[in-house]
C-alpha atoms as a PDB file:
ATOM      1  CA  MET A   1       0.000   0.000   0.000  1.00  0.00           C
ATOM      2  CA  SER A   2       1.184   3.481  -0.833  1.00  0.00           C
ATOM      3  CA  ASP A   3       2.230   5.732   2.060  1.00  0.00           C
ATOM      4  CA  ILE A   4       1.059   8.804   0.143  1.00  0.00           C
ATOM      5  CA  VAL A   5      -2.407   7.239  -0.255  1.00  0.00           C
ATOM      6  CA  THR A   6      -2.433   6.519   3.481  1.00  0.00           C
ATOM      7  CA  GLN A   7      -1.643  10.191   4.122  1.00  0.00           C
ATOM      8  CA  TYR A   8      -4.504  11.254   1.805  1.00  0.00           C
ATOM      9  CA  ILE A   9      -6.957   8.981   3.621  1.00  0.00           C
ATOM     10  CA  ASN A  10      -5.814  10.012   7.102  1.00  0.00           C
ATOM     11  CA  LYS A  11      -6.690  13.674   6.391  1.00  0.00           C
ATOM     12  CA  ALA A  12     -10.385  12.751   6.200  1.00  0.00           C
ATOM     13  CA  GLN A  13     -13.031  12.596   8.922  1.00  0.00           C
ATOM     14  CA  PRO A  14     -12.959   9.434  11.078  1.00  0.00           C
ATOM     15  CA  TRP A  15     -15.992   7.859   9.382  1.00  0.00           C
ATOM     16  CA  GLN A  16     -14.463   8.588   5.961  1.00  0.00           C
ATOM     17  CA  ILE A  17     -11.157   7.008   6.992  1.00  0.00           C
ATOM     18  CA  ASP A  18     -13.070   3.850   7.951  1.00  0.00           C
ATOM     19  CA  VAL A  19     -14.901   3.744   4.604  1.00  0.00           C
ATOM     20  CA  CYS A  20     -11.719   4.456   2.614  1.00  0.00           C
ATOM     21  CA  GLU A  21      -9.763   1.738   4.399  1.00  0.00           C
ATOM     22  CA  LYS A  22     -12.550  -0.775   3.776  1.00  0.00           C
ATOM     23  CA  LEU A  23     -12.692   0.206   0.098  1.00  0.00           C
ATOM     24  CA  ARG A  24      -8.911   0.024  -0.144  1.00  0.00           C
ATOM     25  CA  THR A  25      -8.873  -3.469   1.364  1.00  0.00           C
ATOM     26  CA  MET A  26     -11.733  -4.589  -0.873  1.00  0.00           C
ATOM     27  CA  VAL A  27      -9.906  -3.356  -3.994  1.00  0.00           C
ATOM     28  CA  GLY A  28      -6.719  -5.156  -2.957  1.00  0.00           C
ATOM     29  CA  GLN A  29      -8.608  -8.406  -2.348  1.00  0.00           C
ATOM     30  CA  THR A  30     -10.624  -8.138  -5.562  1.00  0.00           C
ATOM     31  CA  ILE A  31      -7.752  -7.253  -7.902  1.00  0.00           C
ATOM     32  CA  PRO A  32      -4.632  -9.322  -7.183  1.00  0.00           C
ATOM     33  CA  GLY A  33      -1.489  -7.314  -7.894  1.00  0.00           C
ATOM     34  CA  VAL A  34      -3.358  -4.009  -8.142  1.00  0.00           C
ATOM     35  CA  GLU A  35      -1.192  -0.893  -8.316  1.00  0.00           C
ATOM     36  CA  GLU A  36      -2.165   1.844  -5.876  1.00  0.00           C
ATOM     37  CA  ARG A  37      -1.027   5.419  -6.429  1.00  0.00           C
ATOM     38  CA  LEU A  38      -2.062   8.998  -5.775  1.00  0.00           C
ATOM     39  CA  GLN A  39      -2.893  10.594  -9.107  1.00  0.00           C
ATOM     40  CA  TYR A  40      -4.849  13.758  -9.832  1.00  0.00           C
ATOM     41  CA  GLY A  41      -4.950  14.232  -6.051  1.00  0.00           C
ATOM     42  CA  LYS A  42      -6.898  10.991  -5.400  1.00  0.00           C
ATOM     43  CA  PRO A  43      -6.100   7.317  -4.816  1.00  0.00           C
ATOM     44  CA  HIS A  44      -6.200   5.471  -8.125  1.00  0.00           C
ATOM     45  CA  TYR A  45      -6.026   1.722  -8.612  1.00  0.00           C
ATOM     46  CA  LEU A  46      -4.619   0.222 -11.780  1.00  0.00           C
ATOM     47  CA  LYS A  47      -4.494  -3.295 -13.197  1.00  0.00           C
ATOM     48  CA  ASN A  48      -1.950  -3.962 -15.931  1.00  0.00           C
ATOM     49  CA  GLY A  49      -1.510  -0.203 -16.402  1.00  0.00           C
ATOM     50  CA  HIS A  50      -5.245   0.446 -16.888  1.00  0.00           C
ATOM     51  CA  TYR A  51      -7.447   2.406 -14.495  1.00  0.00           C
ATOM     52  CA  ALA A  52      -9.679   0.142 -12.423  1.00  0.00           C
ATOM     53  CA  ALA A  53     -11.016   2.347  -9.586  1.00  0.00           C
ATOM     54  CA  VAL A  54     -10.714   5.651  -7.734  1.00  0.00           C
ATOM     55  CA  ILE A  55     -11.535   6.653  -4.168  1.00  0.00           C
ATOM     56  CA  ALA A  56     -12.329  10.328  -3.598  1.00  0.00           C
ATOM     57  CA  VAL A  57     -13.072  12.050  -0.301  1.00  0.00           C
ATOM     58  CA  ALA A  58     -15.390  15.077  -0.386  1.00  0.00           C
ATOM     59  CA  LYS A  59     -16.882  17.188   2.387  1.00  0.00           C
ATOM     60  CA  ALA A  60     -19.856  14.947   3.171  1.00  0.00           C
ATOM     61  CA  LYS A  61     -19.178  11.757   1.209  1.00  0.00           C
ATOM     62  CA  VAL A  62     -16.703   9.251  -0.106  1.00  0.00           C
ATOM     63  CA  SER A  63     -17.041   8.407  -3.782  1.00  0.00           C
ATOM     64  CA  PHE A  64     -15.920   5.112  -5.256  1.00  0.00           C
ATOM     65  CA  MET A  65     -15.675   4.966  -9.030  1.00  0.00           C
ATOM     66  CA  VAL A  66     -14.957   2.029 -11.324  1.00  0.00           C
ATOM     67  CA  PHE A  67     -13.758   2.186 -14.915  1.00  0.00           C
ATOM     68  CA  ASN A  68     -14.552  -0.071 -17.887  1.00  0.00           C
ATOM     69  CA  ALA A  69     -18.140  -0.275 -16.624  1.00  0.00           C
ATOM     70  CA  THR A  70     -20.129   0.224 -19.827  1.00  0.00           C
ATOM     71  CA  ASP A  71     -21.822  -3.170 -19.389  1.00  0.00           C
ATOM     72  CA  ILE A  72     -22.644  -2.576 -15.703  1.00  0.00           C
ATOM     73  CA  PRO A  73     -26.205  -1.238 -15.316  1.00  0.00           C
ATOM     74  CA  GLU A  74     -26.974   1.751 -13.159  1.00  0.00           C
ATOM     75  CA  VAL A  75     -28.715   0.976  -9.865  1.00  0.00           C
ATOM     76  CA  LYS A  76     -31.007   3.772  -8.730  1.00  0.00           C
ATOM     77  CA  GLY A  77     -29.894   5.099  -5.359  1.00  0.00           C
ATOM     78  CA  LEU A  78     -26.596   3.194  -5.505  1.00  0.00           C
ATOM     79  CA  LEU A  79     -24.632   3.207  -8.735  1.00  0.00           C
ATOM     80  CA  ARG A  80     -24.704   6.119 -11.165  1.00  0.00           C
ATOM     81  CA  ALA A  81     -23.185   6.504 -14.598  1.00  0.00           C
ATOM     82  CA  LEU A  82     -20.599   9.166 -15.322  1.00  0.00           C
ATOM     83  CA  GLY A  83     -19.780  10.592 -18.736  1.00  0.00           C
ATOM     84  CA  ASN A  84     -20.723   8.144 -21.459  1.00  0.00           C
ATOM     85  CA  GLY A  85     -21.363   5.357 -18.924  1.00  0.00           C
ATOM     86  CA  GLU A  86     -17.856   3.909 -19.136  1.00  0.00           C
ATOM     87  CA  ARG A  87     -17.421   4.905 -15.491  1.00  0.00           C
ATOM     88  CA  LYS A  88     -19.846   4.170 -12.662  1.00  0.00           C
ATOM     89  CA  ALA A  89     -19.742   5.640  -9.160  1.00  0.00           C
ATOM     90  CA  VAL A  90     -21.283   5.177  -5.759  1.00  0.00           C
ATOM     91  CA  ASP A  91     -21.423   7.949  -3.157  1.00  0.00           C
ATOM     92  CA  ILE A  92     -21.172   6.862   0.469  1.00  0.00           C
ATOM     93  CA  THR A  93     -22.351   9.146   3.266  1.00  0.00           C
ATOM     94  CA  GLU A  94     -21.881   9.023   7.022  1.00  0.00           C
ATOM     95  CA  GLY A  95     -23.879   6.257   8.689  1.00  0.00           C
ATOM     96  CA  GLN A  96     -24.796   4.584   5.416  1.00  0.00           C
ATOM     97  CA  ASP A  97     -24.741   0.786   5.324  1.00  0.00           C
ATOM     98  CA  VAL A  98     -22.328  -0.283   2.594  1.00  0.00           C
ATOM     99  CA  ASP A  99     -22.358  -3.716   1.006  1.00  0.00           C
ATOM    100  CA  TYR A 100     -18.677  -4.039   0.138  1.00  0.00           C
ATOM    101  CA  GLY A 101     -19.403  -7.468  -1.344  1.00  0.00           C
ATOM    102  CA  VAL A 102     -21.671  -5.890  -3.968  1.00  0.00           C
ATOM    103  CA  LEU A 103     -19.005  -3.285  -4.751  1.00  0.00           C
ATOM    104  CA  ALA A 104     -16.374  -6.033  -5.023  1.00  0.00           C
ATOM    105  CA  GLY A 105     -18.624  -7.914  -7.450  1.00  0.00           C
ATOM    106  CA  ILE A 106     -19.007  -4.809  -9.618  1.00  0.00           C
ATOM    107  CA  LEU A 107     -15.260  -4.171  -9.540  1.00  0.00           C
ATOM    108  CA  ALA A 108     -14.506  -7.801 -10.415  1.00  0.00           C
ATOM    109  CA  LYS A 109     -16.779  -7.597 -13.457  1.00  0.00           C
ATOM    110  CA  THR A 110     -15.080  -4.421 -14.697  1.00  0.00           C
ATOM    111  CA  THR A 111     -11.554  -5.818 -14.359  1.00  0.00           C
ATOM    112  CA  THR A 112     -11.966  -9.348 -15.740  1.00  0.00           C
ATOM    113  CA  ALA A 113     -11.165  -8.222 -19.290  1.00  0.00           C
ATOM    114  CA  ARG A 114      -7.908  -6.525 -18.241  1.00  0.00           C
END
């Protein structure tokens, strides 16, 4: 794990740190050999040199975005499309129940072709 990513995460609110660490662990378990780096000011995760996911901390949420997600359907209230739908994101707020297994399943589907 990248020390600079750890520093980014540790600047967040306590609940956001918890969410980020769980997302970070989930990404590492879902994508063997994933590369973690801080890019564009946010933690990015790459598989074989291709973007797989991003974690972004904002004032009142943590966003988790996956790439290569054209074939992943939007889920109202959970997963929204960005741009042309190639990226999908979920916004997590304080106190929200998060099914990391569902997110891992989505991430696994988007990285199987890479």
